[in-house]
Amino acid sequence: MITKSDNDATTALWKQLGVTRVKNFLRAAGMAKTVPGSGGYWGLTQITARDEQRLLHLVMTKNTVLTDASRAYVRKLMNQVVAGQRWGTPTGAPSGTKIHVKNGWLSPRPHATHGWRVHSIGAFSKDYTITVLSHDNRTMQDGVNTIQAVAKAVHKDLRPSTAGARYAPTLAPQETIPLVQR
C-alpha cells in the first residue's frame, strides 16, 4: 500500500490494527489534529499538514516512537513507489536527491464534498520534507498539477544553486483503483 496504492491492503491493516491502536500511535506520535475516519472508512481520515510533517520527521529521524528498523523499512518503501505514483512533491527535486514519497487522493464520489482531494508528502535525502494537501480540485490531475507547481517552487527556493537536471515525473499519475478510499 506504500509502493503502490492498494485499498484492500490498507483496509486489511486498518482492521488488523483497529482504531484504538491507530489512535494510540497518533497520540504517541504527537499527531493531535489527526482524526481517523469513522465506520471503517480509513480513507476519510482527517489530517493536517503539521501532523503529516510530524510523521515525516518521525520517519526520517531517530526517535522513541518508531524503531530504527521500522523507520528504515518505511523509508525503503517510500523510496520504491511505482513510477505511476511518484508524482507530487518530488517534482523539481535536485538530481541525485534520495526521494521518499507517498501520495493520496480521494474521489468526490460518493462523498461529494470539496471535490478531488489530492495530497503528497515527501522527504528529500535527509535534508528537508514537503507536505502539500489540497482539496476542491475539479479533477485529480488539477490537484496533481497544483502540488507539483508548489513542490517545484519549494525545491528551487531551498536549492537555488543546484544546477543541472531536476527530478520530473516520467508518467502521468494513474488512478489504478477507482475506489473512494485512498
N, C-alpha and C. Protein backbone atom coordinates (compact mmCIF):
# COMPACT_ATOMS: atom_id res chain seq x y z
N MET A 1 0.81 -1.20 0.00
CA MET A 1 0.00 0.00 0.00
C MET A 1 0.85 1.26 0.00
N ILE A 2 2.15 1.12 0.22
CA ILE A 2 3.03 2.29 0.16
C ILE A 2 3.67 2.39 -1.21
N THR A 3 4.20 1.30 -1.72
CA THR A 3 4.86 1.35 -3.03
C THR A 3 3.87 1.47 -4.17
N LYS A 4 2.66 0.98 -3.96
CA LYS A 4 1.58 1.08 -4.95
C LYS A 4 0.26 1.11 -4.20
N SER A 5 -0.57 2.08 -4.53
CA SER A 5 -1.85 2.21 -3.84
C SER A 5 -2.61 0.89 -3.87
N ASP A 6 -3.08 0.47 -2.71
CA ASP A 6 -3.78 -0.81 -2.59
C ASP A 6 -4.81 -0.70 -1.48
N ASN A 7 -6.03 -0.41 -1.87
CA ASN A 7 -7.10 -0.22 -0.90
C ASN A 7 -7.35 -1.47 -0.07
N ASP A 8 -7.29 -2.65 -0.69
CA ASP A 8 -7.55 -3.88 0.05
C ASP A 8 -6.51 -4.10 1.15
N ALA A 9 -5.23 -3.84 0.83
CA ALA A 9 -4.17 -4.00 1.83
C ALA A 9 -4.35 -3.00 2.97
N THR A 10 -4.71 -1.77 2.63
CA THR A 10 -4.91 -0.75 3.65
C THR A 10 -6.09 -1.11 4.54
N THR A 11 -7.17 -1.57 3.94
CA THR A 11 -8.35 -1.98 4.72
C THR A 11 -8.00 -3.14 5.65
N ALA A 12 -7.23 -4.11 5.15
CA ALA A 12 -6.83 -5.24 5.99
C ALA A 12 -5.98 -4.77 7.17
N LEU A 13 -5.04 -3.86 6.93
CA LEU A 13 -4.21 -3.34 8.01
C LEU A 13 -5.05 -2.54 9.00
N TRP A 14 -5.95 -1.73 8.49
CA TRP A 14 -6.84 -0.92 9.35
C TRP A 14 -7.64 -1.83 10.28
N LYS A 15 -8.18 -2.92 9.71
CA LYS A 15 -8.98 -3.86 10.52
C LYS A 15 -8.09 -4.60 11.52
N GLN A 16 -6.89 -4.99 11.08
CA GLN A 16 -5.96 -5.71 11.96
C GLN A 16 -5.56 -4.85 13.15
N LEU A 17 -5.24 -3.59 12.91
CA LEU A 17 -4.82 -2.69 13.99
C LEU A 17 -5.98 -2.26 14.86
N GLY A 18 -7.08 -1.88 14.22
CA GLY A 18 -8.22 -1.32 14.94
C GLY A 18 -7.99 0.15 15.24
N VAL A 19 -9.07 0.88 15.37
CA VAL A 19 -8.99 2.33 15.56
C VAL A 19 -8.29 2.68 16.87
N THR A 20 -8.45 1.86 17.90
CA THR A 20 -7.81 2.15 19.19
C THR A 20 -6.29 2.19 19.04
N ARG A 21 -5.72 1.21 18.35
CA ARG A 21 -4.26 1.21 18.15
C ARG A 21 -3.82 2.38 17.27
N VAL A 22 -4.60 2.69 16.27
CA VAL A 22 -4.28 3.84 15.42
C VAL A 22 -4.25 5.11 16.27
N LYS A 23 -5.26 5.30 17.10
CA LYS A 23 -5.32 6.48 17.97
C LYS A 23 -4.16 6.49 18.96
N ASN A 24 -3.78 5.32 19.47
CA ASN A 24 -2.63 5.25 20.39
C ASN A 24 -1.35 5.69 19.69
N PHE A 25 -1.16 5.26 18.43
CA PHE A 25 0.01 5.69 17.68
C PHE A 25 -0.02 7.20 17.46
N LEU A 26 -1.17 7.72 17.05
CA LEU A 26 -1.28 9.15 16.81
C LEU A 26 -0.93 9.95 18.06
N ARG A 27 -1.39 9.48 19.19
CA ARG A 27 -1.10 10.15 20.47
C ARG A 27 0.41 10.11 20.75
N ALA A 28 1.01 8.92 20.61
CA ALA A 28 2.46 8.78 20.86
C ALA A 28 3.28 9.62 19.89
N ALA A 29 2.78 9.74 18.65
CA ALA A 29 3.49 10.49 17.62
C ALA A 29 3.29 11.99 17.76
N GLY A 30 2.38 12.42 18.62
CA GLY A 30 2.12 13.84 18.77
C GLY A 30 1.30 14.41 17.62
N MET A 31 0.54 13.56 16.97
CA MET A 31 -0.30 13.97 15.84
C MET A 31 -1.71 14.26 16.35
N ALA A 32 -1.83 15.36 17.11
CA ALA A 32 -3.03 15.67 17.87
C ALA A 32 -4.23 16.07 17.02
N LYS A 33 -4.01 16.52 15.80
CA LYS A 33 -5.12 17.01 14.97
C LYS A 33 -5.63 15.96 13.97
N THR A 34 -5.03 14.78 13.96
CA THR A 34 -5.47 13.73 13.04
C THR A 34 -6.64 12.97 13.64
N VAL A 35 -7.70 12.81 12.83
CA VAL A 35 -8.91 12.12 13.29
C VAL A 35 -9.16 10.95 12.34
N PRO A 36 -9.03 9.70 12.85
CA PRO A 36 -9.28 8.54 12.00
C PRO A 36 -10.71 8.55 11.45
N GLY A 37 -10.84 8.11 10.21
CA GLY A 37 -12.16 8.01 9.59
C GLY A 37 -13.06 7.08 10.39
N SER A 38 -14.32 7.39 10.46
CA SER A 38 -15.25 6.58 11.24
C SER A 38 -15.90 5.51 10.36
N GLY A 39 -16.51 4.54 10.99
CA GLY A 39 -17.23 3.50 10.28
C GLY A 39 -16.35 2.62 9.42
N GLY A 40 -15.06 2.52 9.74
CA GLY A 40 -14.16 1.69 8.96
C GLY A 40 -13.62 2.37 7.71
N TYR A 41 -13.96 3.62 7.49
CA TYR A 41 -13.51 4.35 6.30
C TYR A 41 -12.20 5.06 6.56
N TRP A 42 -11.09 4.33 6.48
CA TRP A 42 -9.78 4.92 6.71
C TRP A 42 -9.48 6.05 5.73
N GLY A 43 -10.08 5.98 4.54
CA GLY A 43 -9.85 7.00 3.52
C GLY A 43 -10.46 8.34 3.88
N LEU A 44 -11.31 8.37 4.90
CA LEU A 44 -11.91 9.63 5.34
C LEU A 44 -11.21 10.19 6.58
N THR A 45 -10.04 9.65 6.89
CA THR A 45 -9.25 10.18 7.99
C THR A 45 -8.90 11.63 7.69
N GLN A 46 -9.04 12.47 8.69
CA GLN A 46 -8.71 13.90 8.55
C GLN A 46 -7.34 14.14 9.17
N ILE A 47 -6.48 14.83 8.41
CA ILE A 47 -5.12 15.08 8.87
C ILE A 47 -4.72 16.49 8.47
N THR A 48 -3.84 17.08 9.24
CA THR A 48 -3.34 18.40 8.92
C THR A 48 -1.93 18.29 8.33
N ALA A 49 -1.51 19.34 7.65
CA ALA A 49 -0.14 19.38 7.11
C ALA A 49 0.87 19.28 8.25
N ARG A 50 0.59 19.91 9.37
CA ARG A 50 1.51 19.84 10.52
C ARG A 50 1.67 18.39 11.00
N ASP A 51 0.57 17.64 11.08
CA ASP A 51 0.66 16.24 11.50
C ASP A 51 1.39 15.40 10.47
N GLU A 52 1.18 15.68 9.20
CA GLU A 52 1.93 14.97 8.15
C GLU A 52 3.43 15.25 8.30
N GLN A 53 3.79 16.51 8.56
CA GLN A 53 5.19 16.87 8.76
C GLN A 53 5.75 16.16 9.98
N ARG A 54 4.96 16.06 11.02
CA ARG A 54 5.38 15.36 12.23
C ARG A 54 5.68 13.89 11.91
N LEU A 55 4.81 13.26 11.13
CA LEU A 55 5.02 11.87 10.76
C LEU A 55 6.29 11.72 9.93
N LEU A 56 6.50 12.59 8.96
CA LEU A 56 7.73 12.53 8.16
C LEU A 56 8.96 12.71 9.03
N HIS A 57 8.89 13.61 9.99
CA HIS A 57 10.01 13.82 10.91
C HIS A 57 10.31 12.53 11.68
N LEU A 58 9.27 11.85 12.14
CA LEU A 58 9.48 10.59 12.86
C LEU A 58 10.09 9.52 11.96
N VAL A 59 9.69 9.49 10.70
CA VAL A 59 10.22 8.50 9.76
C VAL A 59 11.69 8.80 9.42
N MET A 60 12.05 10.07 9.39
CA MET A 60 13.38 10.45 8.93
C MET A 60 14.42 10.61 10.03
N THR A 61 14.01 10.74 11.29
CA THR A 61 14.97 10.97 12.37
C THR A 61 14.76 10.00 13.53
N LYS A 62 15.84 9.73 14.23
CA LYS A 62 15.79 8.83 15.38
C LYS A 62 14.84 9.39 16.43
N ASN A 63 14.00 8.52 17.00
CA ASN A 63 13.03 8.96 17.99
C ASN A 63 12.61 7.76 18.84
N THR A 64 11.77 8.00 19.83
CA THR A 64 11.32 6.93 20.73
C THR A 64 9.99 6.33 20.30
N VAL A 65 9.38 6.85 19.22
CA VAL A 65 8.10 6.34 18.76
C VAL A 65 8.29 5.18 17.78
N LEU A 66 9.23 5.33 16.86
CA LEU A 66 9.50 4.31 15.85
C LEU A 66 10.90 3.75 16.05
N THR A 67 11.04 2.44 15.89
CA THR A 67 12.37 1.83 15.99
C THR A 67 13.18 2.18 14.75
N ASP A 68 14.49 2.05 14.86
CA ASP A 68 15.35 2.30 13.71
C ASP A 68 14.98 1.38 12.55
N ALA A 69 14.68 0.12 12.87
CA ALA A 69 14.32 -0.85 11.83
C ALA A 69 13.02 -0.47 11.13
N SER A 70 12.03 -0.03 11.89
CA SER A 70 10.76 0.34 11.27
C SER A 70 10.91 1.60 10.43
N ARG A 71 11.70 2.55 10.90
CA ARG A 71 11.95 3.77 10.12
C ARG A 71 12.66 3.43 8.81
N ALA A 72 13.65 2.56 8.87
CA ALA A 72 14.39 2.16 7.67
C ALA A 72 13.46 1.46 6.68
N TYR A 73 12.57 0.63 7.19
CA TYR A 73 11.63 -0.09 6.33
C TYR A 73 10.66 0.88 5.64
N VAL A 74 10.12 1.82 6.38
CA VAL A 74 9.20 2.79 5.79
C VAL A 74 9.94 3.62 4.73
N ARG A 75 11.15 4.07 5.04
CA ARG A 75 11.93 4.86 4.07
C ARG A 75 12.21 4.04 2.81
N LYS A 76 12.52 2.77 2.99
CA LYS A 76 12.78 1.90 1.83
C LYS A 76 11.54 1.83 0.94
N LEU A 77 10.36 1.61 1.54
CA LEU A 77 9.13 1.53 0.76
C LEU A 77 8.81 2.85 0.08
N MET A 78 8.98 3.96 0.80
CA MET A 78 8.69 5.27 0.22
C MET A 78 9.66 5.63 -0.91
N ASN A 79 10.82 4.98 -0.92
CA ASN A 79 11.79 5.21 -1.99
C ASN A 79 11.53 4.31 -3.20
N GLN A 80 10.63 3.33 -3.04
CA GLN A 80 10.36 2.38 -4.12
C GLN A 80 8.94 2.48 -4.67
N VAL A 81 8.32 3.64 -4.53
CA VAL A 81 6.97 3.84 -5.07
C VAL A 81 7.01 3.66 -6.59
N VAL A 82 6.01 2.99 -7.13
CA VAL A 82 5.96 2.72 -8.57
C VAL A 82 5.96 4.03 -9.36
N ALA A 83 6.49 3.98 -10.57
CA ALA A 83 6.67 5.18 -11.40
C ALA A 83 5.37 5.98 -11.56
N GLY A 84 4.26 5.31 -11.77
CA GLY A 84 2.99 6.00 -11.98
C GLY A 84 2.45 6.71 -10.76
N GLN A 85 3.08 6.48 -9.59
CA GLN A 85 2.64 7.14 -8.37
C GLN A 85 3.76 7.96 -7.72
N ARG A 86 4.80 8.26 -8.49
CA ARG A 86 5.92 9.08 -7.99
C ARG A 86 5.78 10.53 -8.43
N TRP A 87 4.58 11.02 -8.45
CA TRP A 87 4.32 12.41 -8.80
C TRP A 87 4.25 13.23 -7.52
N GLY A 88 3.99 14.51 -7.66
CA GLY A 88 3.75 15.35 -6.48
C GLY A 88 4.99 16.03 -5.98
N THR A 89 5.25 15.90 -4.68
CA THR A 89 6.34 16.64 -4.04
C THR A 89 7.73 16.37 -4.62
N PRO A 90 8.00 15.24 -5.27
CA PRO A 90 9.33 15.08 -5.86
C PRO A 90 9.61 16.00 -7.06
N THR A 91 8.58 16.58 -7.65
CA THR A 91 8.76 17.40 -8.85
C THR A 91 9.70 18.57 -8.56
N GLY A 92 10.76 18.64 -9.33
CA GLY A 92 11.74 19.71 -9.19
C GLY A 92 12.84 19.43 -8.20
N ALA A 93 12.84 18.25 -7.58
CA ALA A 93 13.91 17.93 -6.63
C ALA A 93 15.24 17.88 -7.38
N PRO A 94 16.30 18.34 -6.74
CA PRO A 94 17.61 18.30 -7.39
C PRO A 94 18.00 16.88 -7.78
N SER A 95 18.67 16.74 -8.91
CA SER A 95 19.12 15.41 -9.33
C SER A 95 20.06 14.86 -8.27
N GLY A 96 20.02 13.57 -8.09
CA GLY A 96 20.85 12.91 -7.09
C GLY A 96 20.26 12.89 -5.70
N THR A 97 19.11 13.51 -5.52
CA THR A 97 18.44 13.53 -4.22
C THR A 97 17.73 12.20 -3.99
N LYS A 98 17.90 11.64 -2.82
CA LYS A 98 17.16 10.42 -2.47
C LYS A 98 15.75 10.83 -2.11
N ILE A 99 14.77 10.29 -2.84
CA ILE A 99 13.38 10.71 -2.70
C ILE A 99 12.55 9.65 -1.98
N HIS A 100 11.80 10.11 -0.99
CA HIS A 100 10.83 9.28 -0.27
C HIS A 100 9.49 9.97 -0.44
N VAL A 101 8.51 9.29 -1.03
CA VAL A 101 7.24 9.94 -1.34
C VAL A 101 6.07 9.04 -1.00
N LYS A 102 4.96 9.66 -0.65
CA LYS A 102 3.67 8.96 -0.53
C LYS A 102 2.59 9.95 -0.92
N ASN A 103 1.76 9.52 -1.84
CA ASN A 103 0.66 10.34 -2.33
C ASN A 103 -0.66 9.70 -1.95
N GLY A 104 -1.68 10.51 -1.90
CA GLY A 104 -3.02 10.01 -1.62
C GLY A 104 -4.04 10.87 -2.33
N TRP A 105 -5.17 10.28 -2.62
CA TRP A 105 -6.23 11.02 -3.30
C TRP A 105 -7.57 10.42 -2.93
N LEU A 106 -8.58 11.26 -2.97
CA LEU A 106 -9.93 10.84 -2.65
C LEU A 106 -10.86 11.44 -3.69
N SER A 107 -11.56 10.57 -4.37
CA SER A 107 -12.53 10.98 -5.37
C SER A 107 -13.72 11.62 -4.67
N PRO A 108 -14.34 12.63 -5.30
CA PRO A 108 -15.52 13.22 -4.68
C PRO A 108 -16.74 12.29 -4.69
N ARG A 109 -16.67 11.19 -5.38
CA ARG A 109 -17.79 10.25 -5.44
C ARG A 109 -17.57 9.14 -4.43
N PRO A 110 -18.46 8.71 -3.60
CA PRO A 110 -19.79 9.25 -3.40
C PRO A 110 -19.81 10.37 -2.35
N HIS A 111 -18.68 10.70 -1.78
CA HIS A 111 -18.60 11.73 -0.74
C HIS A 111 -18.32 13.08 -1.40
N ALA A 112 -19.33 13.67 -1.98
CA ALA A 112 -19.19 14.84 -2.85
C ALA A 112 -18.96 16.15 -2.09
N THR A 113 -17.92 16.18 -1.27
CA THR A 113 -17.55 17.43 -0.61
C THR A 113 -16.12 17.76 -0.96
N HIS A 114 -15.88 18.99 -1.25
CA HIS A 114 -14.53 19.50 -1.51
C HIS A 114 -13.86 18.93 -2.75
N GLY A 115 -14.60 18.48 -3.73
CA GLY A 115 -14.01 18.00 -4.98
C GLY A 115 -12.96 16.93 -4.73
N TRP A 116 -12.05 16.80 -5.66
CA TRP A 116 -10.95 15.84 -5.50
C TRP A 116 -10.02 16.35 -4.40
N ARG A 117 -9.66 15.47 -3.51
CA ARG A 117 -8.63 15.75 -2.51
C ARG A 117 -7.38 15.02 -2.95
N VAL A 118 -6.33 15.76 -3.15
CA VAL A 118 -5.07 15.18 -3.63
C VAL A 118 -3.97 15.68 -2.71
N HIS A 119 -3.18 14.75 -2.18
CA HIS A 119 -2.13 15.08 -1.22
C HIS A 119 -0.82 14.43 -1.64
N SER A 120 0.28 15.03 -1.22
CA SER A 120 1.60 14.46 -1.47
C SER A 120 2.54 14.87 -0.35
N ILE A 121 3.26 13.88 0.17
CA ILE A 121 4.29 14.16 1.17
C ILE A 121 5.60 13.58 0.65
N GLY A 122 6.68 14.25 0.98
CA GLY A 122 7.98 13.75 0.53
C GLY A 122 9.10 14.17 1.45
N ALA A 123 10.11 13.32 1.53
CA ALA A 123 11.35 13.62 2.25
C ALA A 123 12.47 13.51 1.22
N PHE A 124 13.41 14.43 1.30
CA PHE A 124 14.43 14.55 0.27
C PHE A 124 15.80 14.44 0.90
N SER A 125 16.46 13.29 0.56
CA SER A 125 17.65 12.85 1.27
C SER A 125 17.26 12.90 2.74
N LYS A 126 18.06 13.46 3.59
CA LYS A 126 17.62 13.66 4.98
C LYS A 126 17.64 15.14 5.28
N ASP A 127 17.53 15.94 4.21
CA ASP A 127 17.68 17.39 4.33
C ASP A 127 16.40 18.13 4.68
N TYR A 128 15.29 17.77 4.04
CA TYR A 128 14.05 18.50 4.26
C TYR A 128 12.86 17.67 3.80
N THR A 129 11.68 18.11 4.23
CA THR A 129 10.43 17.43 3.87
C THR A 129 9.46 18.47 3.32
N ILE A 130 8.53 17.97 2.51
CA ILE A 130 7.48 18.83 1.95
C ILE A 130 6.15 18.10 2.11
N THR A 131 5.14 18.83 2.54
CA THR A 131 3.78 18.31 2.61
C THR A 131 2.87 19.29 1.89
N VAL A 132 2.08 18.78 0.93
CA VAL A 132 1.09 19.60 0.25
C VAL A 132 -0.24 18.85 0.27
N LEU A 133 -1.23 19.44 0.91
CA LEU A 133 -2.57 18.88 0.98
C LEU A 133 -3.49 19.80 0.19
N SER A 134 -4.33 19.23 -0.67
CA SER A 134 -5.22 20.07 -1.47
C SER A 134 -6.62 19.49 -1.49
N HIS A 135 -7.60 20.37 -1.72
CA HIS A 135 -8.98 19.92 -1.91
C HIS A 135 -9.68 20.92 -2.83
N ASP A 136 -10.90 20.63 -3.16
CA ASP A 136 -11.68 21.45 -4.11
C ASP A 136 -11.08 21.44 -5.52
N ASN A 137 -10.39 20.35 -5.86
CA ASN A 137 -9.87 20.21 -7.22
C ASN A 137 -10.97 19.66 -8.13
N ARG A 138 -11.07 20.20 -9.33
CA ARG A 138 -12.09 19.73 -10.28
C ARG A 138 -11.78 18.30 -10.72
N THR A 139 -10.50 18.00 -10.91
CA THR A 139 -10.08 16.66 -11.30
C THR A 139 -8.86 16.27 -10.45
N MET A 140 -8.52 15.00 -10.47
CA MET A 140 -7.31 14.55 -9.79
C MET A 140 -6.10 15.24 -10.40
N GLN A 141 -6.07 15.34 -11.72
CA GLN A 141 -4.92 15.94 -12.40
C GLN A 141 -4.75 17.41 -12.00
N ASP A 142 -5.84 18.14 -11.79
CA ASP A 142 -5.74 19.52 -11.31
C ASP A 142 -5.01 19.57 -9.97
N GLY A 143 -5.34 18.65 -9.07
CA GLY A 143 -4.67 18.59 -7.77
C GLY A 143 -3.20 18.25 -7.92
N VAL A 144 -2.91 17.29 -8.77
CA VAL A 144 -1.51 16.90 -9.02
C VAL A 144 -0.74 18.10 -9.57
N ASN A 145 -1.31 18.81 -10.54
CA ASN A 145 -0.64 19.96 -11.14
C ASN A 145 -0.34 21.04 -10.09
N THR A 146 -1.30 21.29 -9.22
CA THR A 146 -1.10 22.29 -8.16
C THR A 146 0.03 21.87 -7.24
N ILE A 147 0.01 20.63 -6.79
CA ILE A 147 1.04 20.13 -5.88
C ILE A 147 2.40 20.22 -6.54
N GLN A 148 2.49 19.83 -7.80
CA GLN A 148 3.78 19.83 -8.49
C GLN A 148 4.30 21.25 -8.69
N ALA A 149 3.43 22.20 -8.92
CA ALA A 149 3.87 23.60 -9.05
C ALA A 149 4.43 24.10 -7.71
N VAL A 150 3.75 23.76 -6.62
CA VAL A 150 4.23 24.16 -5.29
C VAL A 150 5.57 23.50 -5.01
N ALA A 151 5.67 22.20 -5.25
CA ALA A 151 6.90 21.46 -4.97
C ALA A 151 8.08 22.02 -5.77
N LYS A 152 7.85 22.28 -7.02
CA LYS A 152 8.92 22.82 -7.88
C LYS A 152 9.44 24.14 -7.31
N ALA A 153 8.54 25.01 -6.88
CA ALA A 153 8.94 26.30 -6.32
C ALA A 153 9.70 26.11 -5.00
N VAL A 154 9.24 25.20 -4.15
CA VAL A 154 9.91 24.96 -2.88
C VAL A 154 11.31 24.42 -3.10
N HIS A 155 11.44 23.41 -3.97
CA HIS A 155 12.77 22.86 -4.25
C HIS A 155 13.70 23.94 -4.78
N LYS A 156 13.21 24.77 -5.68
CA LYS A 156 14.03 25.82 -6.26
C LYS A 156 14.50 26.81 -5.20
N ASP A 157 13.59 27.16 -4.29
CA ASP A 157 13.95 28.10 -3.23
C ASP A 157 14.91 27.49 -2.21
N LEU A 158 14.75 26.19 -1.93
CA LEU A 158 15.63 25.54 -0.96
C LEU A 158 17.00 25.21 -1.54
N ARG A 159 17.05 24.97 -2.83
CA ARG A 159 18.29 24.59 -3.50
C ARG A 159 18.54 25.46 -4.73
N PRO A 160 18.60 26.80 -4.57
CA PRO A 160 18.71 27.67 -5.74
C PRO A 160 20.00 27.50 -6.52
N SER A 161 21.06 27.03 -5.88
CA SER A 161 22.33 26.92 -6.58
C SER A 161 22.51 25.58 -7.29
N THR A 162 21.56 24.67 -7.13
CA THR A 162 21.68 23.36 -7.76
C THR A 162 21.47 23.52 -9.26
N ALA A 163 22.49 23.15 -10.01
CA ALA A 163 22.40 23.24 -11.46
C ALA A 163 22.13 21.86 -12.04
N GLY A 164 21.77 21.83 -13.28
CA GLY A 164 21.58 20.56 -13.96
C GLY A 164 20.16 20.05 -13.86
N ALA A 165 20.02 18.80 -14.23
CA ALA A 165 18.70 18.18 -14.31
C ALA A 165 18.06 18.09 -12.94
N ARG A 166 16.76 18.24 -12.95
CA ARG A 166 15.97 18.08 -11.73
C ARG A 166 14.99 16.94 -11.98
N TYR A 167 14.53 16.36 -10.90
CA TYR A 167 13.59 15.25 -10.99
C TYR A 167 12.27 15.74 -11.57
N ALA A 168 11.76 15.01 -12.54
CA ALA A 168 10.42 15.27 -13.08
C ALA A 168 9.76 13.92 -13.27
N PRO A 169 8.51 13.79 -12.87
CA PRO A 169 7.81 12.51 -13.07
C PRO A 169 7.84 12.12 -14.54
N THR A 170 8.03 10.84 -14.81
CA THR A 170 8.09 10.37 -16.20
C THR A 170 6.74 9.94 -16.72
N LEU A 171 5.80 9.69 -15.84
CA LEU A 171 4.47 9.24 -16.24
C LEU A 171 3.42 10.14 -15.64
N ALA A 172 2.30 10.25 -16.32
CA ALA A 172 1.16 10.96 -15.74
C ALA A 172 0.62 10.11 -14.59
N PRO A 173 0.08 10.73 -13.57
CA PRO A 173 -0.50 9.96 -12.46
C PRO A 173 -1.56 9.01 -12.98
N GLN A 174 -1.59 7.84 -12.38
CA GLN A 174 -2.55 6.83 -12.79
C GLN A 174 -3.47 6.50 -11.64
N GLU A 175 -4.75 6.57 -11.89
CA GLU A 175 -5.71 6.15 -10.89
C GLU A 175 -5.89 4.65 -11.12
N THR A 176 -5.20 3.83 -10.33
CA THR A 176 -5.17 2.41 -10.58
C THR A 176 -6.41 1.67 -10.06
N ILE A 177 -7.01 2.20 -9.01
CA ILE A 177 -8.18 1.54 -8.44
C ILE A 177 -9.24 2.61 -8.23
N PRO A 178 -10.34 2.56 -8.95
CA PRO A 178 -11.33 3.64 -8.86
C PRO A 178 -12.24 3.53 -7.64
N LEU A 179 -11.65 3.44 -6.46
CA LEU A 179 -12.43 3.37 -5.23
C LEU A 179 -12.32 4.69 -4.50
N VAL A 180 -13.21 4.89 -3.57
CA VAL A 180 -13.24 6.13 -2.82
C VAL A 180 -12.05 6.18 -1.85
N GLN A 181 -11.74 5.09 -1.19
CA GLN A 181 -10.71 5.13 -0.15
C GLN A 181 -9.34 5.10 -0.78
N ARG A 182 -8.57 6.13 -0.52
CA ARG A 182 -7.17 6.21 -0.96
C ARG A 182 -6.37 6.79 0.15
